[in-house]
Amino acid sequence: MKPSLLIGLIVLPLFIILSSSLYTVSEVEQVIITQFGNPVGEPIKDAGLHFKMPFVQMINRFEKRVLEWDGPATKMPTRDKVYIVADTFGRWRITEPLLFLQQLRDERSAQSRLDDILGSETRTVIARHDFIEAVRTSKERQAVRDDTVSTTLDSRIGVLPPITRGRTELEHDILAAAMPKVRGLGIELLDVRFKRLNYNESVSATIYDRMISEREQIAERYRSEGGGEAAKIGGTKERELLTISSGAYRKVQEVQGAADAQATEIYAKAYNQSPEAVELFRFLATLDAYKKAITPDTRLILTTDSDFLRLFKSETGAPAPAAALPGAPMIPGFQQMPSLLESPGGVK
């Protein structure tokens, strides 16, 4: 037999035996050695290279790290007969791998056992308290209030219902009740929390309708109060407008009266300077009266001795020229103007 073949026949079995005897343990795991299904020795928690009997001993690895438990959403009633759906989660780790192996064998069995234990304790705790206890975080919580919002619309605005425990205390109750039960499984339960709390589907629609109705009532009260404020502001505006308008009208009348008085005074002074000035003003006033009274569509029926027509006639009854009118001033060009009786648009 060749020496190389002989060496190969010796080295290969030794390599197989040695590889079956050596194993490594990482920093995040712990190992239990079993022989024919039965645990052998103490748990191995130190990281590094270790030995075991080849072929007859098996390695069982378990996590050292914190593991997650995410329970199923479960329907349950509260003390005030409100059916809710509670969704919880938790954190746990394997502290006694030997006991864990004997009781559960693997993590899947542990998750199933936690579903039973934590689900049962959750139902028990929820059934002993009202729904508001699970909704509110703690009894010390204070509502955030808006000082600009009038609480007269609804006395419940900014006021939280009174509670005795709160959701945080309920989570502590679930954890305290479940810890002794999982300790016998080689597990340490670290924390249990509520992920979500919701109404049962059968009552959700009714609850939402009631919430909508309450919000609509509050909104209507807001609109009513806003309408009242708008009417009050509108009334104040109208009153102020009337006050301003009346003050402005009074001021206008005062200014206009003062101006008329001053104009009358000026006219009176100018009117009384001389007889010619008096006659001139009288003549101009009469012409102004003619301009306003006699228009193309005007028909006047007056007597021949009417003082209104005194400028249209002479002492003989014929139309008098402007220069022949008694007391009329001699205005350049005025005597060449036709009288109103001679003009085509004269008095009819």
Protein backbone atom coordinates (compact mmCIF):
# COMPACT_ATOMS: atom_id res chain seq x y z
CA MET A 1 0.00 0.00 0.00
CA LYS A 2 1.31 3.40 -0.90
CA PRO A 3 2.31 5.67 1.99
CA SER A 4 0.19 8.55 0.73
CA LEU A 5 -2.90 6.39 0.65
CA LEU A 6 -2.16 5.12 4.13
CA ILE A 7 -1.77 8.67 5.44
CA GLY A 8 -5.04 9.68 3.78
CA LEU A 9 -6.87 6.76 5.38
CA ILE A 10 -5.57 7.84 8.80
CA VAL A 11 -6.02 11.64 8.45
CA LEU A 12 -9.54 11.62 7.00
CA PRO A 13 -11.17 9.78 9.91
CA LEU A 14 -9.27 11.95 12.35
CA PHE A 15 -10.51 15.08 10.56
CA ILE A 16 -14.11 13.85 10.62
CA ILE A 17 -13.88 12.99 14.31
CA LEU A 18 -12.23 16.29 15.17
CA SER A 19 -14.75 18.39 13.18
CA SER A 20 -17.58 16.59 14.91
CA SER A 21 -16.01 17.26 18.30
CA LEU A 22 -15.36 20.99 17.92
CA TYR A 23 -18.00 23.75 17.83
CA THR A 24 -18.14 27.53 18.40
CA VAL A 25 -20.45 29.66 20.49
CA SER A 26 -21.05 33.32 19.49
CA GLU A 27 -21.61 36.23 21.82
CA VAL A 28 -25.37 36.34 21.16
CA GLU A 29 -26.22 32.71 21.83
CA GLN A 30 -26.07 30.01 24.49
CA VAL A 31 -25.76 26.26 23.96
CA ILE A 32 -27.17 23.11 25.57
CA ILE A 33 -25.53 19.76 24.77
CA THR A 34 -27.87 16.77 24.50
CA GLN A 35 -26.97 13.13 24.27
CA PHE A 36 -29.64 10.88 22.81
CA GLY A 37 -32.13 13.66 23.45
CA ASN A 38 -31.22 14.23 27.10
CA PRO A 39 -29.35 17.33 28.30
CA VAL A 40 -25.76 16.78 29.30
CA GLY A 41 -23.87 19.17 31.60
CA GLU A 42 -24.50 22.83 32.25
CA PRO A 43 -25.50 25.46 29.67
CA ILE A 44 -22.56 26.92 27.78
CA LYS A 45 -22.82 30.72 27.70
CA ASP A 46 -19.19 31.68 27.09
CA ALA A 47 -18.29 32.60 23.54
CA GLY A 48 -15.44 30.70 21.89
CA LEU A 49 -14.35 27.20 20.80
CA HIS A 50 -15.71 24.20 22.72
CA PHE A 51 -15.55 20.40 22.60
CA LYS A 52 -18.17 17.64 22.71
CA MET A 53 -18.35 13.94 22.12
CA PRO A 54 -18.54 13.29 18.40
CA PHE A 55 -21.60 11.75 16.79
CA VAL A 56 -23.52 11.04 20.02
CA GLN A 57 -23.90 14.58 21.35
CA MET A 58 -25.94 17.31 19.64
CA ILE A 59 -25.79 21.11 19.92
CA ASN A 60 -28.93 23.16 20.79
CA ARG A 61 -28.49 26.89 20.33
CA PHE A 62 -30.65 29.54 22.00
CA GLU A 63 -30.67 33.35 21.75
CA LYS A 64 -29.21 35.52 24.46
CA ARG A 65 -30.69 38.68 22.98
CA VAL A 66 -34.08 40.23 23.76
CA LEU A 67 -36.81 38.62 21.66
CA GLU A 68 -40.06 40.08 20.39
CA TRP A 69 -43.55 38.86 21.06
CA ASP A 70 -46.36 40.30 18.93
CA GLY A 71 -49.70 38.95 20.07
CA PRO A 72 -52.77 38.61 17.90
CA ALA A 73 -55.55 41.19 18.06
CA THR A 74 -58.20 39.78 20.42
CA LYS A 75 -61.80 40.80 21.05
CA MET A 76 -62.71 41.23 24.71
CA PRO A 77 -65.29 43.12 26.85
CA THR A 78 -64.55 45.81 29.42
CA ARG A 79 -66.23 46.22 32.79
CA ASP A 80 -68.69 48.75 31.31
CA LYS A 81 -69.71 46.20 28.63
CA VAL A 82 -67.85 47.81 25.74
CA TYR A 83 -66.46 45.26 23.31
CA ILE A 84 -63.02 46.24 22.11
CA VAL A 85 -60.16 44.76 20.09
CA ALA A 86 -56.87 44.81 22.02
CA ASP A 87 -53.57 44.36 20.17
CA THR A 88 -50.56 43.86 22.48
CA PHE A 89 -46.83 43.24 22.13
CA GLY A 90 -44.02 42.40 24.51
CA ARG A 91 -40.31 41.68 24.96
CA TRP A 92 -38.75 38.59 26.55
CA ARG A 93 -35.52 36.61 26.70
CA ILE A 94 -34.29 33.13 27.59
CA THR A 95 -32.62 33.20 30.99
CA GLU A 96 -32.48 29.46 31.76
CA PRO A 97 -31.77 27.59 28.54
CA LEU A 98 -31.85 24.15 30.18
CA LEU A 99 -35.32 24.70 31.62
CA PHE A 100 -36.40 26.31 28.36
CA LEU A 101 -35.27 23.22 26.44
CA GLN A 102 -37.06 20.87 28.80
CA GLN A 103 -40.33 22.84 28.78
CA LEU A 104 -40.60 24.37 25.32
CA ARG A 105 -37.81 23.00 23.10
CA ASP A 106 -37.78 26.01 20.69
CA GLU A 107 -38.84 29.62 20.19
CA ARG A 108 -41.97 28.76 18.19
CA SER A 109 -43.37 26.83 21.17
CA ALA A 110 -42.44 29.75 23.42
CA GLN A 111 -44.32 32.22 21.20
CA SER A 112 -47.41 30.00 21.30
CA ARG A 113 -47.24 29.72 25.10
CA LEU A 114 -46.85 33.48 25.43
CA ASP A 115 -49.93 33.97 23.25
CA ASP A 116 -51.95 31.91 25.71
CA ILE A 117 -50.54 33.42 28.90
CA LEU A 118 -50.44 37.09 27.91
CA GLY A 119 -53.73 36.91 26.02
CA SER A 120 -55.45 35.46 29.09
CA GLU A 121 -53.98 38.04 31.46
CA THR A 122 -54.89 40.87 29.08
CA ARG A 123 -58.53 39.76 28.98
CA THR A 124 -58.60 39.45 32.76
CA VAL A 125 -57.20 42.93 33.37
CA ILE A 126 -59.38 44.61 30.72
CA ALA A 127 -62.51 42.93 32.12
CA ARG A 128 -61.82 44.43 35.57
CA HIS A 129 -61.70 48.04 34.32
CA ASP A 130 -63.78 50.46 32.24
CA PHE A 131 -62.83 51.25 28.68
CA ILE A 132 -61.73 54.79 29.56
CA GLU A 133 -59.06 53.32 31.87
CA ALA A 134 -57.40 51.60 28.90
CA VAL A 135 -57.69 54.68 26.69
CA ARG A 136 -56.21 57.24 29.07
CA THR A 137 -52.44 57.00 29.56
CA SER A 138 -52.51 57.92 33.24
CA LYS A 139 -54.71 59.70 35.73
CA GLU A 140 -52.19 62.57 35.98
CA ARG A 141 -52.68 63.56 32.35
CA GLN A 142 -54.18 67.03 31.88
CA ALA A 143 -56.19 68.11 28.85
CA VAL A 144 -54.71 70.78 26.59
CA ARG A 145 -57.14 73.69 26.67
CA ASP A 146 -57.46 76.56 24.22
CA ASP A 147 -58.24 79.74 26.13
CA THR A 148 -59.62 81.36 22.97
CA VAL A 149 -62.42 78.78 22.78
CA SER A 150 -65.48 79.42 24.88
CA THR A 151 -66.30 76.44 27.11
CA THR A 152 -69.90 77.63 27.33
CA LEU A 153 -70.53 75.84 24.03
CA ASP A 154 -69.93 72.46 25.64
CA SER A 155 -68.92 71.86 29.23
CA ARG A 156 -67.01 68.74 28.16
CA ILE A 157 -64.50 70.71 26.10
CA GLY A 158 -61.12 70.63 27.80
CA VAL A 159 -62.31 68.25 30.56
CA LEU A 160 -61.10 64.63 30.80
CA PRO A 161 -63.30 61.99 32.48
CA PRO A 162 -61.98 60.92 35.90
CA ILE A 163 -60.09 57.61 36.11
CA THR A 164 -58.37 55.65 38.88
CA ARG A 165 -55.58 53.77 37.05
CA GLY A 166 -54.83 54.44 33.39
CA ARG A 167 -53.37 52.37 30.55
CA THR A 168 -49.82 52.39 31.96
CA GLU A 169 -51.00 50.82 35.22
CA LEU A 170 -53.01 48.21 33.32
CA GLU A 171 -49.89 47.22 31.36
CA HIS A 172 -48.00 46.85 34.65
CA ASP A 173 -50.81 44.61 35.98
CA ILE A 174 -50.59 42.35 32.92
CA LEU A 175 -46.81 42.12 33.24
CA ALA A 176 -46.92 41.38 36.98
CA ALA A 177 -49.56 38.67 36.53
CA ALA A 178 -47.74 36.96 33.64
CA MET A 179 -44.17 37.01 34.98
CA PRO A 180 -44.60 34.17 37.55
CA LYS A 181 -46.25 31.97 34.92
CA VAL A 182 -43.44 32.31 32.37
CA ARG A 183 -40.64 32.07 34.93
CA GLY A 184 -41.17 28.31 35.15
CA LEU A 185 -40.49 28.10 31.41
CA GLY A 186 -36.97 29.52 31.65
CA ILE A 187 -38.20 32.86 30.27
CA GLU A 188 -37.91 36.37 31.66
CA LEU A 189 -40.73 38.65 30.56
CA LEU A 190 -39.38 42.19 30.22
CA ASP A 191 -42.31 44.29 29.10
CA VAL A 192 -45.89 44.17 27.83
CA ARG A 193 -47.59 47.10 26.06
CA PHE A 194 -50.79 47.87 24.18
CA LYS A 195 -50.15 48.46 20.50
CA ARG A 196 -53.71 49.39 19.61
CA LEU A 197 -57.15 49.58 21.24
CA ASN A 198 -60.20 49.84 19.04
CA TYR A 199 -63.92 49.33 19.19
CA ASN A 200 -65.43 46.11 17.93
CA GLU A 201 -66.61 46.34 14.34
CA SER A 202 -70.21 45.74 15.44
CA VAL A 203 -70.26 48.91 17.53
CA SER A 204 -67.73 51.06 15.64
CA ALA A 205 -70.33 52.43 13.22
CA THR A 206 -72.65 53.42 16.10
CA ILE A 207 -69.80 55.05 18.02
CA TYR A 208 -68.65 56.98 14.96
CA ASP A 209 -72.20 58.19 14.25
CA ARG A 210 -72.53 59.41 17.82
CA MET A 211 -69.17 61.16 17.63
CA ILE A 212 -70.19 62.84 14.36
CA SER A 213 -73.48 63.95 15.89
CA GLU A 214 -71.72 65.44 18.92
CA ARG A 215 -69.21 67.29 16.76
CA GLU A 216 -72.01 68.63 14.57
CA GLN A 217 -73.82 69.94 17.65
CA ILE A 218 -70.67 71.66 18.83
CA ALA A 219 -70.08 73.10 15.35
CA GLU A 220 -73.66 74.38 15.23
CA ARG A 221 -73.17 76.09 18.57
CA TYR A 222 -70.00 77.68 17.27
CA ARG A 223 -71.87 78.89 14.18
CA SER A 224 -74.72 80.24 16.33
CA GLU A 225 -72.33 82.12 18.58
CA GLY A 226 -70.48 83.42 15.51
CA GLY A 227 -73.76 84.58 13.97
CA GLY A 228 -74.61 86.45 17.16
CA GLU A 229 -71.22 88.13 17.21
CA ALA A 230 -71.57 89.01 13.53
CA ALA A 231 -75.00 90.60 14.17
CA LYS A 232 -73.58 92.53 17.12
CA ILE A 233 -70.66 93.78 15.03
CA GLY A 234 -73.00 94.68 12.16
CA GLY A 235 -75.27 96.65 14.50
CA THR A 236 -72.31 98.50 15.96
CA LYS A 237 -71.09 99.29 12.46
CA GLU A 238 -74.48 100.64 11.34
CA ARG A 239 -74.77 102.75 14.48
CA GLU A 240 -71.30 104.19 13.98
CA LEU A 241 -72.05 104.86 10.30
CA LEU A 242 -75.24 106.72 11.23
CA THR A 243 -73.38 108.71 13.87
CA ILE A 244 -70.64 109.62 11.42
CA SER A 245 -73.15 110.45 8.65
CA SER A 246 -75.28 112.63 10.90
CA GLY A 247 -72.21 114.44 12.21
CA ALA A 248 -70.96 115.01 8.68
CA TYR A 249 -74.41 116.23 7.54
CA ARG A 250 -74.59 118.61 10.49
CA LYS A 251 -71.14 119.91 9.67
CA VAL A 252 -72.08 120.38 6.00
CA GLN A 253 -75.23 122.26 6.96
CA GLU A 254 -73.29 124.47 9.34
CA VAL A 255 -70.68 125.26 6.69
CA GLN A 256 -73.31 125.79 4.03
CA GLY A 257 -75.38 128.02 6.33
CA ALA A 258 -72.34 130.07 7.22
CA ALA A 259 -71.48 130.39 3.51
CA ASP A 260 -75.05 131.39 2.62
CA ALA A 261 -75.09 133.96 5.41
CA GLN A 262 -71.79 135.38 4.25
CA ALA A 263 -72.98 135.43 0.63
CA THR A 264 -76.23 137.14 1.66
CA GLU A 265 -74.27 139.69 3.60
CA ILE A 266 -72.04 140.37 0.59
CA TYR A 267 -75.09 140.58 -1.71
CA ALA A 268 -76.84 142.93 0.68
CA LYS A 269 -73.84 145.23 0.89
CA ALA A 270 -73.46 145.24 -2.90
CA TYR A 271 -77.24 145.60 -3.42
CA ASN A 272 -77.57 148.69 -1.21
CA GLN A 273 -74.60 150.65 -2.56
CA SER A 274 -76.74 152.79 -4.98
CA PRO A 275 -80.17 152.91 -6.72
CA GLU A 276 -78.50 151.80 -9.95
CA ALA A 277 -77.02 148.78 -8.18
CA VAL A 278 -80.45 147.95 -6.75
CA GLU A 279 -82.02 148.15 -10.20
CA LEU A 280 -79.20 146.11 -11.75
CA PHE A 281 -79.59 143.32 -9.24
CA ARG A 282 -83.33 143.42 -9.71
CA PHE A 283 -82.87 143.21 -13.47
CA LEU A 284 -80.41 140.30 -13.22
CA ALA A 285 -82.68 138.47 -10.81
CA THR A 286 -85.60 138.88 -13.20
CA LEU A 287 -83.55 137.53 -16.12
CA ASP A 288 -82.48 134.58 -14.00
CA ALA A 289 -86.12 133.92 -13.20
CA TYR A 290 -87.00 134.06 -16.90
CA LYS A 291 -84.23 131.56 -17.71
CA LYS A 292 -85.55 129.10 -15.18
CA ALA A 293 -89.25 129.59 -15.85
CA ILE A 294 -89.35 129.98 -19.63
CA THR A 295 -88.20 126.94 -21.62
CA PRO A 296 -89.12 125.70 -25.11
CA ASP A 297 -91.89 123.50 -23.71
CA THR A 298 -93.24 126.09 -21.25
CA ARG A 299 -96.68 127.67 -21.63
CA LEU A 300 -97.51 130.64 -19.37
CA ILE A 301 -100.87 132.37 -19.08
CA LEU A 302 -100.30 135.75 -17.43
CA THR A 303 -102.24 139.02 -17.34
CA THR A 304 -100.90 142.05 -19.14
CA ASP A 305 -100.35 143.90 -15.89
CA SER A 306 -98.28 141.07 -14.40
CA ASP A 307 -95.14 142.37 -12.74
CA PHE A 308 -93.33 139.23 -13.98
CA LEU A 309 -93.54 140.59 -17.55
CA ARG A 310 -92.54 144.14 -16.75
CA LEU A 311 -89.35 143.80 -18.83
CA PHE A 312 -91.35 142.73 -21.90
CA LYS A 313 -93.45 145.84 -22.27
CA SER A 314 -93.08 149.64 -22.41
CA GLU A 315 -95.37 152.27 -20.98
CA THR A 316 -97.44 152.14 -24.24
CA GLY A 317 -97.82 148.39 -24.12
CA ALA A 318 -95.27 147.65 -26.86
CA PRO A 319 -92.14 145.68 -26.22
CA ALA A 320 -89.63 148.05 -24.78
CA PRO A 321 -86.00 148.07 -25.70
CA ALA A 322 -83.61 147.51 -22.95
CA ALA A 323 -82.56 151.16 -22.85
CA ALA A 324 -86.25 152.29 -22.46
CA LEU A 325 -86.90 150.14 -19.44
CA PRO A 326 -87.27 152.37 -16.43
CA GLY A 327 -84.24 152.29 -14.23
CA ALA A 328 -82.39 149.79 -16.47
CA PRO A 329 -78.65 150.31 -16.64
CA MET A 330 -76.98 150.96 -19.95
CA ILE A 331 -75.04 147.82 -20.64
CA PRO A 332 -72.98 147.83 -23.86
CA GLY A 333 -74.70 145.79 -26.57
CA PHE A 334 -77.78 145.17 -24.45
CA GLN A 335 -79.92 147.62 -26.46
CA GLN A 336 -79.22 145.66 -29.68
CA MET A 337 -80.59 142.40 -28.15
CA PRO A 338 -84.16 141.49 -29.23
CA SER A 339 -86.74 141.37 -26.53
CA LEU A 340 -88.09 138.00 -25.43
CA LEU A 341 -91.46 138.81 -27.01
CA GLU A 342 -89.77 139.38 -30.38
CA SER A 343 -87.62 136.24 -30.27
CA PRO A 344 -88.93 133.02 -31.90
CA GLY A 345 -88.86 131.17 -28.59
CA GLY A 346 -90.60 133.95 -26.67
CA VAL A 347 -93.54 133.69 -24.38
CA LYS A 348 -96.64 132.20 -25.93
